PDB file of all heavy atoms in Angstrom:
ATOM      1  N   PHE A   1       0.863  -1.176   0.000  1.00  0.00           N
ATOM      2  CA  PHE A   1       0.000   0.000   0.000  1.00  0.00           C
ATOM      3  C   PHE A   1       0.903   1.229   0.000  1.00  0.00           C
ATOM      4  O   PHE A   1       1.938   1.252   0.663  1.00  0.00           O
ATOM      5  CB  PHE A   1      -0.902   0.034   1.239  1.00  0.00           C
ATOM      6  CG  PHE A   1      -2.196  -0.716   1.087  1.00  0.00           C
ATOM      7  CD1 PHE A   1      -2.521  -1.738   1.953  1.00  0.00           C
ATOM      8  CD2 PHE A   1      -3.103  -0.385   0.088  1.00  0.00           C
ATOM      9  CE1 PHE A   1      -3.727  -2.425   1.825  1.00  0.00           C
ATOM     10  CE2 PHE A   1      -4.301  -1.055  -0.055  1.00  0.00           C
ATOM     11  CZ  PHE A   1      -4.619  -2.079   0.818  1.00  0.00           C
ATOM     12  N   SER A   2       0.505   2.255  -0.743  1.00  0.00           N
ATOM     13  CA  SER A   2       1.283   3.488  -0.805  1.00  0.00           C
ATOM     14  C   SER A   2       0.348   4.671  -1.016  1.00  0.00           C
ATOM     15  O   SER A   2      -0.590   4.590  -1.810  1.00  0.00           O
ATOM     16  CB  SER A   2       2.281   3.426  -1.963  1.00  0.00           C
ATOM     17  OG  SER A   2       2.944   4.672  -2.111  1.00  0.00           O
ATOM     18  N   GLU A   3       0.651   5.757  -0.327  1.00  0.00           N
ATOM     19  CA  GLU A   3      -0.132   6.973  -0.512  1.00  0.00           C
ATOM     20  C   GLU A   3       0.193   7.649  -1.843  1.00  0.00           C
ATOM     21  O   GLU A   3      -0.636   8.358  -2.392  1.00  0.00           O
ATOM     22  CB  GLU A   3       0.149   7.946   0.640  1.00  0.00           C
ATOM     23  CG  GLU A   3      -0.353   7.407   1.968  1.00  0.00           C
ATOM     24  CD  GLU A   3       0.111   8.242   3.133  1.00  0.00           C
ATOM     25  OE1 GLU A   3       1.328   8.429   3.286  1.00  0.00           O
ATOM     26  OE2 GLU A   3      -0.767   8.709   3.886  1.00  0.00           O
ATOM     27  N   GLY A   4       1.395   7.446  -2.342  1.00  0.00           N
ATOM     28  CA  GLY A   4       1.819   8.075  -3.587  1.00  0.00           C
ATOM     29  C   GLY A   4       3.317   8.254  -3.599  1.00  0.00           C
ATOM     30  O   GLY A   4       4.035   7.597  -2.844  1.00  0.00           O
ATOM     31  N   GLY A   5       3.806   9.122  -4.451  1.00  0.00           N
ATOM     32  CA  GLY A   5       5.233   9.406  -4.533  1.00  0.00           C
ATOM     33  C   GLY A   5       5.756   9.249  -5.951  1.00  0.00           C
ATOM     34  O   GLY A   5       5.069   8.773  -6.853  1.00  0.00           O
ATOM     35  N   LYS A   6       7.000   9.657  -6.140  1.00  0.00           N
ATOM     36  CA  LYS A   6       7.629   9.663  -7.458  1.00  0.00           C
ATOM     37  C   LYS A   6       7.788   8.261  -8.048  1.00  0.00           C
ATOM     38  O   LYS A   6       7.951   8.127  -9.259  1.00  0.00           O
ATOM     39  CB  LYS A   6       8.992  10.348  -7.403  1.00  0.00           C
ATOM     40  CG  LYS A   6       8.939  11.780  -6.945  1.00  0.00           C
ATOM     41  CD  LYS A   6       8.281  12.655  -7.979  1.00  0.00           C
ATOM     42  CE  LYS A   6       8.383  14.102  -7.524  1.00  0.00           C
ATOM     43  NZ  LYS A   6       7.344  14.920  -8.055  1.00  0.00           N
ATOM     44  N   LYS A   7       7.717   7.209  -7.241  1.00  0.00           N
ATOM     45  CA  LYS A   7       7.819   5.851  -7.786  1.00  0.00           C
ATOM     46  C   LYS A   7       6.719   5.583  -8.811  1.00  0.00           C
ATOM     47  O   LYS A   7       6.889   4.772  -9.710  1.00  0.00           O
ATOM     48  CB  LYS A   7       7.785   4.808  -6.671  1.00  0.00           C
ATOM     49  CG  LYS A   7       6.471   4.741  -5.908  1.00  0.00           C
ATOM     50  CD  LYS A   7       6.597   3.785  -4.739  1.00  0.00           C
ATOM     51  CE  LYS A   7       5.657   4.106  -3.630  1.00  0.00           C
ATOM     52  NZ  LYS A   7       5.911   5.345  -2.916  1.00  0.00           N
ATOM     53  N   PHE A   8       5.622   6.307  -8.713  1.00  0.00           N
ATOM     54  CA  PHE A   8       4.509   6.094  -9.643  1.00  0.00           C
ATOM     55  C   PHE A   8       4.808   6.628 -11.053  1.00  0.00           C
ATOM     56  O   PHE A   8       4.169   6.210 -12.009  1.00  0.00           O
ATOM     57  CB  PHE A   8       3.211   6.679  -9.078  1.00  0.00           C
ATOM     58  CG  PHE A   8       2.668   5.840  -7.960  1.00  0.00           C
ATOM     59  CD1 PHE A   8       2.976   6.129  -6.641  1.00  0.00           C
ATOM     60  CD2 PHE A   8       1.881   4.731  -8.224  1.00  0.00           C
ATOM     61  CE1 PHE A   8       2.503   5.332  -5.600  1.00  0.00           C
ATOM     62  CE2 PHE A   8       1.406   3.933  -7.199  1.00  0.00           C
ATOM     63  CZ  PHE A   8       1.713   4.228  -5.887  1.00  0.00           C
ATOM     64  N   ILE A   9       5.802   7.505 -11.188  1.00  0.00           N
ATOM     65  CA  ILE A   9       6.219   7.940 -12.525  1.00  0.00           C
ATOM     66  C   ILE A   9       6.782   6.730 -13.267  1.00  0.00           C
ATOM     67  O   ILE A   9       6.390   6.432 -14.393  1.00  0.00           O
ATOM     68  CB  ILE A   9       7.239   9.093 -12.454  1.00  0.00           C
ATOM     69  CG1 ILE A   9       6.584  10.342 -11.876  1.00  0.00           C
ATOM     70  CG2 ILE A   9       7.840   9.366 -13.842  1.00  0.00           C
ATOM     71  CD1 ILE A   9       7.557  11.473 -11.574  1.00  0.00           C
ATOM     72  N   GLY A  10       7.701   6.025 -12.623  1.00  0.00           N
ATOM     73  CA  GLY A  10       8.269   4.833 -13.234  1.00  0.00           C
ATOM     74  C   GLY A  10       7.235   3.745 -13.440  1.00  0.00           C
ATOM     75  O   GLY A  10       7.192   3.110 -14.495  1.00  0.00           O
ATOM     76  N   LEU A  11       6.376   3.538 -12.453  1.00  0.00           N
ATOM     77  CA  LEU A  11       5.351   2.493 -12.562  1.00  0.00           C
ATOM     78  C   LEU A  11       4.378   2.778 -13.705  1.00  0.00           C
ATOM     79  O   LEU A  11       3.862   1.851 -14.324  1.00  0.00           O
ATOM     80  CB  LEU A  11       4.589   2.355 -11.247  1.00  0.00           C
ATOM     81  CG  LEU A  11       5.372   1.745 -10.087  1.00  0.00           C
ATOM     82  CD1 LEU A  11       4.570   1.858  -8.791  1.00  0.00           C
ATOM     83  CD2 LEU A  11       5.743   0.306 -10.377  1.00  0.00           C
ATOM     84  N   SER A  12       4.136   4.060 -14.004  1.00  0.00           N
ATOM     85  CA  SER A  12       3.208   4.398 -15.078  1.00  0.00           C
ATOM     86  C   SER A  12       3.803   4.135 -16.462  1.00  0.00           C
ATOM     87  O   SER A  12       3.069   3.986 -17.433  1.00  0.00           O
ATOM     88  CB  SER A  12       2.776   5.862 -14.974  1.00  0.00           C
ATOM     89  OG  SER A  12       3.833   6.725 -15.340  1.00  0.00           O
ATOM     90  N   ARG A  13       5.126   4.067 -16.536  1.00  0.00           N
ATOM     91  CA  ARG A  13       5.792   3.920 -17.837  1.00  0.00           C
ATOM     92  C   ARG A  13       6.417   2.556 -18.054  1.00  0.00           C
ATOM     93  O   ARG A  13       6.666   2.167 -19.199  1.00  0.00           O
ATOM     94  CB  ARG A  13       6.877   4.980 -17.981  1.00  0.00           C
ATOM     95  CG  ARG A  13       6.343   6.390 -17.954  1.00  0.00           C
ATOM     96  CD  ARG A  13       7.469   7.362 -18.119  1.00  0.00           C
ATOM     97  NE  ARG A  13       7.038   8.721 -17.831  1.00  0.00           N
ATOM     98  CZ  ARG A  13       7.868   9.717 -17.621  1.00  0.00           C
ATOM     99  NH1 ARG A  13       9.166   9.533 -17.680  1.00  0.00           N
ATOM    100  NH2 ARG A  13       7.394  10.914 -17.362  1.00  0.00           N
ATOM    101  N   ASP A  14       6.754   1.857 -16.981  1.00  0.00           N
ATOM    102  CA  ASP A  14       7.478   0.591 -17.122  1.00  0.00           C
ATOM    103  C   ASP A  14       7.116  -0.314 -15.940  1.00  0.00           C
ATOM    104  O   ASP A  14       7.385   0.048 -14.797  1.00  0.00           O
ATOM    105  CB  ASP A  14       8.984   0.857 -17.143  1.00  0.00           C
ATOM    106  CG  ASP A  14       9.796  -0.351 -17.542  1.00  0.00           C
ATOM    107  OD1 ASP A  14       9.298  -1.488 -17.460  1.00  0.00           O
ATOM    108  OD2 ASP A  14      10.961  -0.164 -17.944  1.00  0.00           O
ATOM    109  N   PRO A  15       6.533  -1.474 -16.193  1.00  0.00           N
ATOM    110  CA  PRO A  15       6.136  -2.349 -15.097  1.00  0.00           C
ATOM    111  C   PRO A  15       7.304  -3.110 -14.465  1.00  0.00           C
ATOM    112  O   PRO A  15       7.144  -3.711 -13.406  1.00  0.00           O
ATOM    113  CB  PRO A  15       5.166  -3.326 -15.774  1.00  0.00           C
ATOM    114  CG  PRO A  15       5.640  -3.404 -17.183  1.00  0.00           C
ATOM    115  CD  PRO A  15       6.132  -1.999 -17.495  1.00  0.00           C
ATOM    116  N   ARG A  16       8.486  -3.055 -15.092  1.00  0.00           N
ATOM    117  CA  ARG A  16       9.635  -3.777 -14.538  1.00  0.00           C
ATOM    118  C   ARG A  16      10.158  -3.040 -13.303  1.00  0.00           C
ATOM    119  O   ARG A  16      10.383  -1.832 -13.341  1.00  0.00           O
ATOM    120  CB  ARG A  16      10.747  -3.910 -15.576  1.00  0.00           C
ATOM    121  CG  ARG A  16      10.349  -4.781 -16.760  1.00  0.00           C
ATOM    122  CD  ARG A  16      11.391  -4.758 -17.838  1.00  0.00           C
ATOM    123  NE  ARG A  16      11.583  -3.372 -18.277  1.00  0.00           N
ATOM    124  CZ  ARG A  16      12.677  -2.926 -18.892  1.00  0.00           C
ATOM    125  NH1 ARG A  16      13.661  -3.741 -19.150  1.00  0.00           N
ATOM    126  NH2 ARG A  16      12.761  -1.658 -19.256  1.00  0.00           N
ATOM    127  N   VAL A  17      10.340  -3.795 -12.234  1.00  0.00           N
ATOM    128  CA  VAL A  17      10.842  -3.227 -10.990  1.00  0.00           C
ATOM    129  C   VAL A  17      11.897  -4.160 -10.408  1.00  0.00           C
ATOM    130  O   VAL A  17      12.037  -5.302 -10.831  1.00  0.00           O
ATOM    131  CB  VAL A  17       9.704  -3.016  -9.948  1.00  0.00           C
ATOM    132  CG1 VAL A  17       8.665  -2.030 -10.460  1.00  0.00           C
ATOM    133  CG2 VAL A  17       9.061  -4.325  -9.552  1.00  0.00           C
ATOM    134  N   CYS A  18      12.595  -3.645  -9.444  1.00  0.00           N
ATOM    135  CA  CYS A  18      13.548  -4.454  -8.692  1.00  0.00           C
ATOM    136  C   CYS A  18      13.379  -4.077  -7.232  1.00  0.00           C
ATOM    137  O   CYS A  18      13.161  -2.914  -6.898  1.00  0.00           O
ATOM    138  CB  CYS A  18      14.968  -4.149  -9.168  1.00  0.00           C
ATOM    139  SG  CYS A  18      16.198  -5.280  -8.510  1.00  0.00           S
ATOM    140  N   LEU A  19      13.412  -5.075  -6.365  1.00  0.00           N
ATOM    141  CA  LEU A  19      13.382  -4.766  -4.945  1.00  0.00           C
ATOM    142  C   LEU A  19      14.459  -5.553  -4.224  1.00  0.00           C
ATOM    143  O   LEU A  19      14.889  -6.598  -4.701  1.00  0.00           O
ATOM    144  CB  LEU A  19      12.005  -4.992  -4.330  1.00  0.00           C
ATOM    145  CG  LEU A  19      11.231  -6.241  -4.575  1.00  0.00           C
ATOM    146  CD1 LEU A  19      11.104  -7.031  -3.296  1.00  0.00           C
ATOM    147  CD2 LEU A  19       9.845  -5.836  -5.030  1.00  0.00           C
ATOM    148  N   ALA A  20      14.912  -5.008  -3.137  1.00  0.00           N
ATOM    149  CA  ALA A  20      15.970  -5.627  -2.351  1.00  0.00           C
ATOM    150  C   ALA A  20      15.511  -5.746  -0.907  1.00  0.00           C
ATOM    151  O   ALA A  20      14.908  -4.825  -0.357  1.00  0.00           O
ATOM    152  CB  ALA A  20      17.252  -4.806  -2.433  1.00  0.00           C
ATOM    153  N   ILE A  21      15.809  -6.909  -0.345  1.00  0.00           N
ATOM    154  CA  ILE A  21      15.570  -7.179   1.077  1.00  0.00           C
ATOM    155  C   ILE A  21      16.905  -7.676   1.611  1.00  0.00           C
ATOM    156  O   ILE A  21      17.512  -8.574   1.010  1.00  0.00           O
ATOM    157  CB  ILE A  21      14.488  -8.258   1.278  1.00  0.00           C
ATOM    158  CG1 ILE A  21      13.204  -7.898   0.533  1.00  0.00           C
ATOM    159  CG2 ILE A  21      14.231  -8.487   2.764  1.00  0.00           C
ATOM    160  CD1 ILE A  21      12.214  -9.049   0.439  1.00  0.00           C
ATOM    161  N   PHE A  22      17.363  -7.118   2.718  1.00  0.00           N
ATOM    162  CA  PHE A  22      18.700  -7.495   3.181  1.00  0.00           C
ATOM    163  C   PHE A  22      18.863  -7.230   4.667  1.00  0.00           C
ATOM    164  O   PHE A  22      18.171  -6.398   5.248  1.00  0.00           O
ATOM    165  CB  PHE A  22      19.780  -6.743   2.389  1.00  0.00           C
ATOM    166  CG  PHE A  22      19.540  -5.260   2.334  1.00  0.00           C
ATOM    167  CD1 PHE A  22      20.074  -4.411   3.276  1.00  0.00           C
ATOM    168  CD2 PHE A  22      18.745  -4.718   1.318  1.00  0.00           C
ATOM    169  CE1 PHE A  22      19.840  -3.043   3.216  1.00  0.00           C
ATOM    170  CE2 PHE A  22      18.512  -3.354   1.244  1.00  0.00           C
ATOM    171  CZ  PHE A  22      19.062  -2.518   2.200  1.00  0.00           C
ATOM    172  N   ASP A  23      19.803  -7.962   5.247  1.00  0.00           N
ATOM    173  CA  ASP A  23      20.173  -7.753   6.640  1.00  0.00           C
ATOM    174  C   ASP A  23      21.310  -6.736   6.713  1.00  0.00           C
ATOM    175  O   ASP A  23      22.050  -6.541   5.739  1.00  0.00           O
ATOM    176  CB  ASP A  23      20.676  -9.061   7.267  1.00  0.00           C
ATOM    177  CG  ASP A  23      19.586 -10.082   7.473  1.00  0.00           C
ATOM    178  OD1 ASP A  23      18.403  -9.773   7.245  1.00  0.00           O
ATOM    179  OD2 ASP A  23      19.913 -11.218   7.860  1.00  0.00           O
ATOM    180  N   LYS A  24      21.457  -6.136   7.864  1.00  0.00           N
ATOM    181  CA  LYS A  24      22.567  -5.223   8.117  1.00  0.00           C
ATOM    182  C   LYS A  24      23.872  -6.002   7.939  1.00  0.00           C
ATOM    183  O   LYS A  24      23.997  -7.153   8.366  1.00  0.00           O
ATOM    184  CB  LYS A  24      22.458  -4.704   9.549  1.00  0.00           C
ATOM    185  CG  LYS A  24      23.559  -3.792   9.974  1.00  0.00           C
ATOM    186  CD  LYS A  24      23.352  -3.345  11.414  1.00  0.00           C
ATOM    187  CE  LYS A  24      24.519  -2.535  11.884  1.00  0.00           C
ATOM    188  NZ  LYS A  24      24.369  -2.149  13.287  1.00  0.00           N
ATOM    189  N   TYR A  25      24.860  -5.376   7.310  1.00  0.00           N
ATOM    190  CA  TYR A  25      26.150  -6.028   7.092  1.00  0.00           C
ATOM    191  C   TYR A  25      26.851  -6.266   8.425  1.00  0.00           C
ATOM    192  O   TYR A  25      27.024  -5.358   9.222  1.00  0.00           O
ATOM    193  CB  TYR A  25      27.046  -5.175   6.181  1.00  0.00           C
ATOM    194  CG  TYR A  25      28.394  -5.807   5.958  1.00  0.00           C
ATOM    195  CD1 TYR A  25      28.539  -6.875   5.086  1.00  0.00           C
ATOM    196  CD2 TYR A  25      29.511  -5.363   6.651  1.00  0.00           C
ATOM    197  CE1 TYR A  25      29.765  -7.476   4.887  1.00  0.00           C
ATOM    198  CE2 TYR A  25      30.745  -5.952   6.467  1.00  0.00           C
ATOM    199  CZ  TYR A  25      30.871  -7.017   5.585  1.00  0.00           C
ATOM    200  OH  TYR A  25      32.084  -7.618   5.404  1.00  0.00           O
ATOM    201  N   GLN A  26      27.249  -7.532   8.634  1.00  0.00           N
ATOM    202  CA  GLN A  26      27.974  -7.899   9.856  1.00  0.00           C
ATOM    203  C   GLN A  26      29.177  -8.776   9.541  1.00  0.00           C
ATOM    204  O   GLN A  26      29.666  -9.472  10.415  1.00  0.00           O
ATOM    205  CB  GLN A  26      27.035  -8.614  10.828  1.00  0.00           C
ATOM    206  CG  GLN A  26      25.915  -7.739  11.296  1.00  0.00           C
ATOM    207  CD  GLN A  26      24.990  -8.449  12.281  1.00  0.00           C
ATOM    208  OE1 GLN A  26      25.173  -9.616  12.597  1.00  0.00           O
ATOM    209  NE2 GLN A  26      24.002  -7.739  12.761  1.00  0.00           N
ATOM    210  N   GLY A  27      29.610  -8.788   8.291  1.00  0.00           N
ATOM    211  CA  GLY A  27      30.770  -9.571   7.884  1.00  0.00           C
ATOM    212  C   GLY A  27      30.411 -10.547   6.780  1.00  0.00           C
ATOM    213  O   GLY A  27      29.244 -10.896   6.583  1.00  0.00           O
ATOM    214  N   PHE A  28      31.450 -10.987   6.056  1.00  0.00           N
ATOM    215  CA  PHE A  28      31.229 -11.877   4.925  1.00  0.00           C
ATOM    216  C   PHE A  28      30.606 -13.214   5.310  1.00  0.00           C
ATOM    217  O   PHE A  28      29.952 -13.852   4.499  1.00  0.00           O
ATOM    218  CB  PHE A  28      32.537 -12.135   4.175  1.00  0.00           C
ATOM    219  CG  PHE A  28      32.928 -10.997   3.277  1.00  0.00           C
ATOM    220  CD1 PHE A  28      34.058 -10.248   3.543  1.00  0.00           C
ATOM    221  CD2 PHE A  28      32.166 -10.690   2.164  1.00  0.00           C
ATOM    222  CE1 PHE A  28      34.416  -9.198   2.713  1.00  0.00           C
ATOM    223  CE2 PHE A  28      32.514  -9.644   1.331  1.00  0.00           C
ATOM    224  CZ  PHE A  28      33.643  -8.894   1.608  1.00  0.00           C
ATOM    225  N   ASP A  29      30.792 -13.632   6.535  1.00  0.00           N
ATOM    226  CA  ASP A  29      30.222 -14.923   6.956  1.00  0.00           C
ATOM    227  C   ASP A  29      28.765 -14.811   7.401  1.00  0.00           C
ATOM    228  O   ASP A  29      28.150 -15.807   7.774  1.00  0.00           O
ATOM    229  CB  ASP A  29      31.063 -15.535   8.077  1.00  0.00           C
ATOM    230  CG  ASP A  29      31.117 -14.650   9.320  1.00  0.00           C
ATOM    231  OD1 ASP A  29      30.930 -13.420   9.200  1.00  0.00           O
ATOM    232  OD2 ASP A  29      31.343 -15.196  10.414  1.00  0.00           O
ATOM    233  N   LYS A  30      28.200 -13.601   7.329  1.00  0.00           N
ATOM    234  CA  LYS A  30      26.811 -13.397   7.755  1.00  0.00           C
ATOM    235  C   LYS A  30      26.001 -12.635   6.698  1.00  0.00           C
ATOM    236  O   LYS A  30      25.026 -11.966   7.030  1.00  0.00           O
ATOM    237  CB  LYS A  30      26.773 -12.642   9.076  1.00  0.00           C
ATOM    238  CG  LYS A  30      27.332 -13.423  10.240  1.00  0.00           C
ATOM    239  CD  LYS A  30      27.196 -12.642  11.531  1.00  0.00           C
ATOM    240  CE  LYS A  30      27.616 -13.441  12.712  1.00  0.00           C
ATOM    241  NZ  LYS A  30      29.038 -13.525  12.930  1.00  0.00           N
ATOM    242  N   LEU A  31      26.384 -12.749   5.430  1.00  0.00           N
ATOM    243  CA  LEU A  31      25.652 -12.053   4.372  1.00  0.00           C
ATOM    244  C   LEU A  31      24.277 -12.686   4.174  1.00  0.00           C
ATOM    245  O   LEU A  31      24.146 -13.908   4.168  1.00  0.00           O
ATOM    246  CB  LEU A  31      26.431 -12.126   3.051  1.00  0.00           C
ATOM    247  CG  LEU A  31      27.785 -11.436   3.040  1.00  0.00           C
ATOM    248  CD1 LEU A  31      28.505 -11.723   1.736  1.00  0.00           C
ATOM    249  CD2 LEU A  31      27.641  -9.947   3.270  1.00  0.00           C
ATOM    250  N   CYS A  32      23.276 -11.832   4.025  1.00  0.00           N
ATOM    251  CA  CYS A  32      21.915 -12.336   3.847  1.00  0.00           C
ATOM    252  C   CYS A  32      21.089 -11.265   3.133  1.00  0.00           C
ATOM    253  O   CYS A  32      20.825 -10.207   3.687  1.00  0.00           O
ATOM    254  CB  CYS A  32      21.307 -12.654   5.211  1.00  0.00           C
ATOM    255  SG  CYS A  32      19.926 -13.774   5.119  1.00  0.00           S
ATOM    256  N   GLY A  33      20.703 -11.579   1.895  1.00  0.00           N
ATOM    257  CA  GLY A  33      19.898 -10.622   1.168  1.00  0.00           C
ATOM    258  C   GLY A  33      19.387 -11.179  -0.145  1.00  0.00           C
ATOM    259  O   GLY A  33      19.884 -12.185  -0.654  1.00  0.00           O
ATOM    260  N   LEU A  34      18.383 -10.499  -0.661  1.00  0.00           N
ATOM    261  CA  LEU A  34      17.751 -10.878  -1.917  1.00  0.00           C
ATOM    262  C   LEU A  34      17.650  -9.661  -2.820  1.00  0.00           C
ATOM    263  O   LEU A  34      17.384  -8.550  -2.349  1.00  0.00           O
ATOM    264  CB  LEU A  34      16.319 -11.388  -1.689  1.00  0.00           C
ATOM    265  CG  LEU A  34      16.107 -12.571  -0.770  1.00  0.00           C
ATOM    266  CD1 LEU A  34      14.608 -12.825  -0.590  1.00  0.00           C
ATOM    267  CD2 LEU A  34      16.797 -13.801  -1.314  1.00  0.00           C
ATOM    268  N   GLN A  35      17.829  -9.891  -4.114  1.00  0.00           N
ATOM    269  CA  GLN A  35      17.500  -8.895  -5.127  1.00  0.00           C
ATOM    270  C   GLN A  35      16.448  -9.540  -6.016  1.00  0.00           C
ATOM    271  O   GLN A  35      16.678 -10.603  -6.577  1.00  0.00           O
ATOM    272  CB  GLN A  35      18.723  -8.512  -5.938  1.00  0.00           C
ATOM    273  CG  GLN A  35      18.396  -7.487  -7.005  1.00  0.00           C
ATOM    274  CD  GLN A  35      19.635  -6.940  -7.660  1.00  0.00           C
ATOM    275  OE1 GLN A  35      20.424  -6.270  -7.018  1.00  0.00           O
ATOM    276  NE2 GLN A  35      19.801  -7.236  -8.930  1.00  0.00           N
ATOM    277  N   ILE A  36      15.305  -8.912  -6.102  1.00  0.00           N
ATOM    278  CA  ILE A  36      14.142  -9.506  -6.764  1.00  0.00           C
ATOM    279  C   ILE A  36      13.753  -8.654  -7.963  1.00  0.00           C
ATOM    280  O   ILE A  36      13.484  -7.460  -7.823  1.00  0.00           O
ATOM    281  CB  ILE A  36      12.968  -9.617  -5.772  1.00  0.00           C
ATOM    282  CG1 ILE A  36      13.385 -10.481  -4.594  1.00  0.00           C
ATOM    283  CG2 ILE A  36      11.722 -10.154  -6.458  1.00  0.00           C
ATOM    284  CD1 ILE A  36      12.785 -10.112  -3.285  1.00  0.00           C
ATOM    285  N   SER A  37      13.725  -9.267  -9.129  1.00  0.00           N
ATOM    286  CA  SER A  37      13.229  -8.610 -10.337  1.00  0.00           C
ATOM    287  C   SER A  37      11.797  -9.076 -10.532  1.00  0.00           C
ATOM    288  O   SER A  37      11.474 -10.236 -10.268  1.00  0.00           O
ATOM    289  CB  SER A  37      14.064  -9.007 -11.555  1.00  0.00           C
ATOM    290  OG  SER A  37      15.397  -8.623 -11.381  1.00  0.00           O
ATOM    291  N   GLY A  38      10.954  -8.179 -10.987  1.00  0.00           N
ATOM    292  CA  GLY A  38       9.567  -8.572 -11.176  1.00  0.00           C
ATOM    293  C   GLY A  38       8.782  -7.582 -11.996  1.00  0.00           C
ATOM    294  O   GLY A  38       9.321  -6.584 -12.495  1.00  0.00           O
ATOM    295  N   LEU A  39       7.508  -7.886 -12.113  1.00  0.00           N
ATOM    296  CA  LEU A  39       6.577  -7.048 -12.870  1.00  0.00           C
ATOM    297  C   LEU A  39       5.516  -6.510 -11.923  1.00  0.00           C
ATOM    298  O   LEU A  39       4.887  -7.276 -11.182  1.00  0.00           O
ATOM    299  CB  LEU A  39       5.919  -7.860 -13.982  1.00  0.00           C
ATOM    300  CG  LEU A  39       6.893  -8.382 -15.038  1.00  0.00           C
ATOM    301  CD1 LEU A  39       6.190  -9.348 -15.972  1.00  0.00           C
ATOM    302  CD2 LEU A  39       7.509  -7.227 -15.808  1.00  0.00           C
ATOM    303  N   ALA A  40       5.341  -5.204 -11.958  1.00  0.00           N
ATOM    304  CA  ALA A  40       4.380  -4.537 -11.079  1.00  0.00           C
ATOM    305  C   ALA A  40       3.086  -4.259 -11.824  1.00  0.00           C
ATOM    306  O   ALA A  40       3.081  -4.029 -13.032  1.00  0.00           O
ATOM    307  CB  ALA A  40       4.964  -3.232 -10.552  1.00  0.00           C
ATOM    308  N   ARG A  41       2.018  -4.290 -11.074  1.00  0.00           N
ATOM    309  CA  ARG A  41       0.730  -3.824 -11.597  1.00  0.00           C
ATOM    310  C   ARG A  41       0.037  -3.077 -10.471  1.00  0.00           C
ATOM    311  O   ARG A  41       0.195  -3.395  -9.286  1.00  0.00           O
ATOM    312  CB  ARG A  41      -0.120  -4.955 -12.151  1.00  0.00           C
ATOM    313  CG  ARG A  41      -0.594  -5.956 -11.156  1.00  0.00           C
ATOM    314  CD  ARG A  41      -1.324  -7.120 -11.847  1.00  0.00           C
ATOM    315  NE  ARG A  41      -1.602  -8.169 -10.894  1.00  0.00           N
ATOM    316  CZ  ARG A  41      -2.759  -8.355 -10.291  1.00  0.00           C
ATOM    317  NH1 ARG A  41      -3.781  -7.572 -10.544  1.00  0.00           N
ATOM    318  NH2 ARG A  41      -2.916  -9.336  -9.421  1.00  0.00           N
ATOM    319  N   LEU A  42      -0.716  -2.077 -10.864  1.00  0.00           N
ATOM    320  CA  LEU A  42      -1.473  -1.297  -9.888  1.00  0.00           C
ATOM    321  C   LEU A  42      -2.864  -1.900  -9.795  1.00  0.00           C
ATOM    322  O   LEU A  42      -3.505  -2.181 -10.807  1.00  0.00           O
ATOM    323  CB  LEU A  42      -1.529   0.170 -10.304  1.00  0.00           C
ATOM    324  CG  LEU A  42      -0.154   0.845 -10.363  1.00  0.00           C
ATOM    325  CD1 LEU A  42      -0.261   2.243 -10.935  1.00  0.00           C
ATOM    326  CD2 LEU A  42       0.496   0.860  -9.001  1.00  0.00           C
ATOM    327  N   ILE A  43      -3.310  -2.085  -8.574  1.00  0.00           N
ATOM    328  CA  ILE A  43      -4.608  -2.700  -8.305  1.00  0.00           C
ATOM    329  C   ILE A  43      -5.634  -1.590  -8.117  1.00  0.00           C
ATOM    330  O   ILE A  43      -5.438  -0.672  -7.306  1.00  0.00           O
ATOM    331  CB  ILE A  43      -4.545  -3.590  -7.042  1.00  0.00           C
ATOM    332  CG1 ILE A  43      -3.406  -4.623  -7.147  1.00  0.00           C
ATOM    333  CG2 ILE A  43      -5.887  -4.241  -6.778  1.00  0.00           C
ATOM    334  CD1 ILE A  43      -3.513  -5.584  -8.302  1.00  0.00           C
ATOM    335  N   GLU A  44      -6.707  -1.677  -8.844  1.00  0.00           N
ATOM    336  CA  GLU A  44      -7.747  -0.651  -8.771  1.00  0.00           C
ATOM    337  C   GLU A  44      -8.331  -0.590  -7.357  1.00  0.00           C
ATOM    338  O   GLU A  44      -8.672  -1.624  -6.774  1.00  0.00           O
ATOM    339  CB  GLU A  44      -8.853  -0.958  -9.777  1.00  0.00           C
ATOM    340  CG  GLU A  44      -9.885   0.146  -9.857  1.00  0.00           C
ATOM    341  CD  GLU A  44     -10.900  -0.107 -10.959  1.00  0.00           C
ATOM    342  OE1 GLU A  44     -10.530  -0.667 -11.998  1.00  0.00           O
ATOM    343  OE2 GLU A  44     -12.069   0.272 -10.746  1.00  0.00           O
TER     344      GLU A  44
END
């Protein structure tokens, strides 16, 4: 859910998005994160 913002400029022109989820860096032995490519759609 979003109230609005400049992200909607990109969403209006290109459905391709990328999102990242990650933990705070605590060293190479504790790396944990995802980079997700996907397609966005706005729900009426």
